[in-house]
Amino acid sequence: MAAKIVFIVEKTSTGFSAFALDFETYPVGTTGKNFTELKSNIIEALNLHNEYQGLKQLPKMMLQFRSIYPNSLSIIT
């Protein structure tokens, strides 16, 4: 079964910021100058968290990004 991690995305004066909605389970947050950079940085931040926890890295090809409601981004792993 695929896991779903929801990120709250906010527009900032310098681009975008995002943090995991379930911050206790996924203490991950990042920024990006544009939406493409933000998505790449989310993957990198999740992989750093997984590495720290001794978990498997998430291949970029296996991730799907979906907007589930305003100001959010869902990642299906």
C-alpha atoms as a PDB file:
ATOM      1  CA  MET A   1       0.000   0.000   0.000  1.00  0.00           C
ATOM      2  CA  ALA A   2       1.287   3.447  -0.881  1.00  0.00           C
ATOM      3  CA  ALA A   3       1.947   5.988   1.837  1.00  0.00           C
ATOM      4  CA  LYS A   4       0.661   9.537   1.492  1.00  0.00           C
ATOM      5  CA  ILE A   5       2.493  12.492   2.990  1.00  0.00           C
ATOM      6  CA  VAL A   6       0.682  15.832   2.855  1.00  0.00           C
ATOM      7  CA  PHE A   7       2.675  19.060   2.730  1.00  0.00           C
ATOM      8  CA  ILE A   8       1.276  22.515   3.387  1.00  0.00           C
ATOM      9  CA  VAL A   9       2.602  24.898   0.742  1.00  0.00           C
ATOM     10  CA  GLU A  10       2.814  28.627   1.296  1.00  0.00           C
ATOM     11  CA  LYS A  11       3.747  31.410  -1.093  1.00  0.00           C
ATOM     12  CA  THR A  12       6.500  33.618   0.340  1.00  0.00           C
ATOM     13  CA  SER A  13       8.159  36.812  -0.819  1.00  0.00           C
ATOM     14  CA  THR A  14      11.102  34.750  -2.123  1.00  0.00           C
ATOM     15  CA  GLY A  15       9.228  31.758  -3.570  1.00  0.00           C
ATOM     16  CA  PHE A  16       7.526  28.904  -1.715  1.00  0.00           C
ATOM     17  CA  SER A  17       7.818  27.082   1.596  1.00  0.00           C
ATOM     18  CA  ALA A  18       6.406  23.687   2.554  1.00  0.00           C
ATOM     19  CA  PHE A  19       6.170  21.556   5.670  1.00  0.00           C
ATOM     20  CA  ALA A  20       4.672  18.151   6.380  1.00  0.00           C
ATOM     21  CA  LEU A  21       1.148  18.319   7.793  1.00  0.00           C
ATOM     22  CA  ASP A  22       2.005  15.401  10.121  1.00  0.00           C
ATOM     23  CA  PHE A  23       5.125  17.110  11.452  1.00  0.00           C
ATOM     24  CA  GLU A  24       5.444  14.707  14.403  1.00  0.00           C
ATOM     25  CA  THR A  25       5.877  11.738  12.049  1.00  0.00           C
ATOM     26  CA  TYR A  26       7.661  13.632   9.262  1.00  0.00           C
ATOM     27  CA  PRO A  27       9.535  16.610  10.755  1.00  0.00           C
ATOM     28  CA  VAL A  28      10.316  17.903   7.270  1.00  0.00           C
ATOM     29  CA  GLY A  29      10.184  21.425   5.894  1.00  0.00           C
ATOM     30  CA  THR A  30      11.882  23.192   3.005  1.00  0.00           C
ATOM     31  CA  THR A  31      11.748  26.128   0.606  1.00  0.00           C
ATOM     32  CA  GLY A  32      12.173  26.745  -3.116  1.00  0.00           C
ATOM     33  CA  LYS A  33      12.399  29.695  -5.467  1.00  0.00           C
ATOM     34  CA  ASN A  34       9.756  28.103  -7.707  1.00  0.00           C
ATOM     35  CA  PHE A  35       7.389  25.138  -7.560  1.00  0.00           C
ATOM     36  CA  THR A  36       9.758  22.806  -9.447  1.00  0.00           C
ATOM     37  CA  GLU A  37      12.594  23.555  -7.028  1.00  0.00           C
ATOM     38  CA  LEU A  38      10.235  23.168  -4.078  1.00  0.00           C
ATOM     39  CA  LYS A  39       9.197  19.661  -5.180  1.00  0.00           C
ATOM     40  CA  SER A  40      12.831  18.638  -5.633  1.00  0.00           C
ATOM     41  CA  ASN A  41      13.714  20.055  -2.207  1.00  0.00           C
ATOM     42  CA  ILE A  42      10.805  18.174  -0.585  1.00  0.00           C
ATOM     43  CA  ILE A  43      12.173  14.892  -1.949  1.00  0.00           C
ATOM     44  CA  GLU A  44      15.666  15.761  -0.742  1.00  0.00           C
ATOM     45  CA  ALA A  45      14.377  16.710   2.714  1.00  0.00           C
ATOM     46  CA  LEU A  46      12.321  13.500   2.985  1.00  0.00           C
ATOM     47  CA  ASN A  47      15.338  11.437   1.981  1.00  0.00           C
ATOM     48  CA  LEU A  48      17.531  13.181   4.563  1.00  0.00           C
ATOM     49  CA  HIS A  49      14.911  12.422   7.202  1.00  0.00           C
ATOM     50  CA  ASN A  50      14.698   8.787   6.060  1.00  0.00           C
ATOM     51  CA  GLU A  51      18.488   8.457   6.087  1.00  0.00           C
ATOM     52  CA  TYR A  52      18.614   9.797   9.641  1.00  0.00           C
ATOM     53  CA  GLN A  53      15.889   7.330  10.687  1.00  0.00           C
ATOM     54  CA  GLY A  54      17.615   4.414   8.915  1.00  0.00           C
ATOM     55  CA  LEU A  55      14.753   4.119   6.418  1.00  0.00           C
ATOM     56  CA  LYS A  56      14.741   3.481   2.677  1.00  0.00           C
ATOM     57  CA  GLN A  57      15.387   6.389   0.313  1.00  0.00           C
ATOM     58  CA  LEU A  58      12.485   7.495  -1.880  1.00  0.00           C
ATOM     59  CA  PRO A  59      13.267   7.252  -5.598  1.00  0.00           C
ATOM     60  CA  LYS A  60      12.078  10.359  -7.441  1.00  0.00           C
ATOM     61  CA  MET A  61      10.389   8.250 -10.103  1.00  0.00           C
ATOM     62  CA  MET A  62       8.082   6.643  -7.532  1.00  0.00           C
ATOM     63  CA  LEU A  63       6.689   9.894  -6.181  1.00  0.00           C
ATOM     64  CA  GLN A  64       3.489  11.497  -7.393  1.00  0.00           C
ATOM     65  CA  PHE A  65       2.644  15.079  -6.510  1.00  0.00           C
ATOM     66  CA  ARG A  66      -1.011  16.057  -6.294  1.00  0.00           C
ATOM     67  CA  SER A  67      -2.746  19.167  -5.097  1.00  0.00           C
ATOM     68  CA  ILE A  68      -5.470  17.945  -2.735  1.00  0.00           C
ATOM     69  CA  TYR A  69      -6.811  21.269  -1.509  1.00  0.00           C
ATOM     70  CA  PRO A  70      -5.722  24.912  -1.665  1.00  0.00           C
ATOM     71  CA  ASN A  71      -2.212  25.472  -0.329  1.00  0.00           C
ATOM     72  CA  SER A  72      -1.362  21.785  -0.038  1.00  0.00           C
ATOM     73  CA  LEU A  73       0.612  19.153  -1.868  1.00  0.00           C
ATOM     74  CA  SER A  74       0.257  15.424  -1.406  1.00  0.00           C
ATOM     75  CA  ILE A  75       3.114  13.024  -2.109  1.00  0.00           C
ATOM     76  CA  ILE A  76       2.260   9.396  -2.815  1.00  0.00           C
ATOM     77  CA  THR A  77       5.176   7.035  -2.155  1.00  0.00           C
END
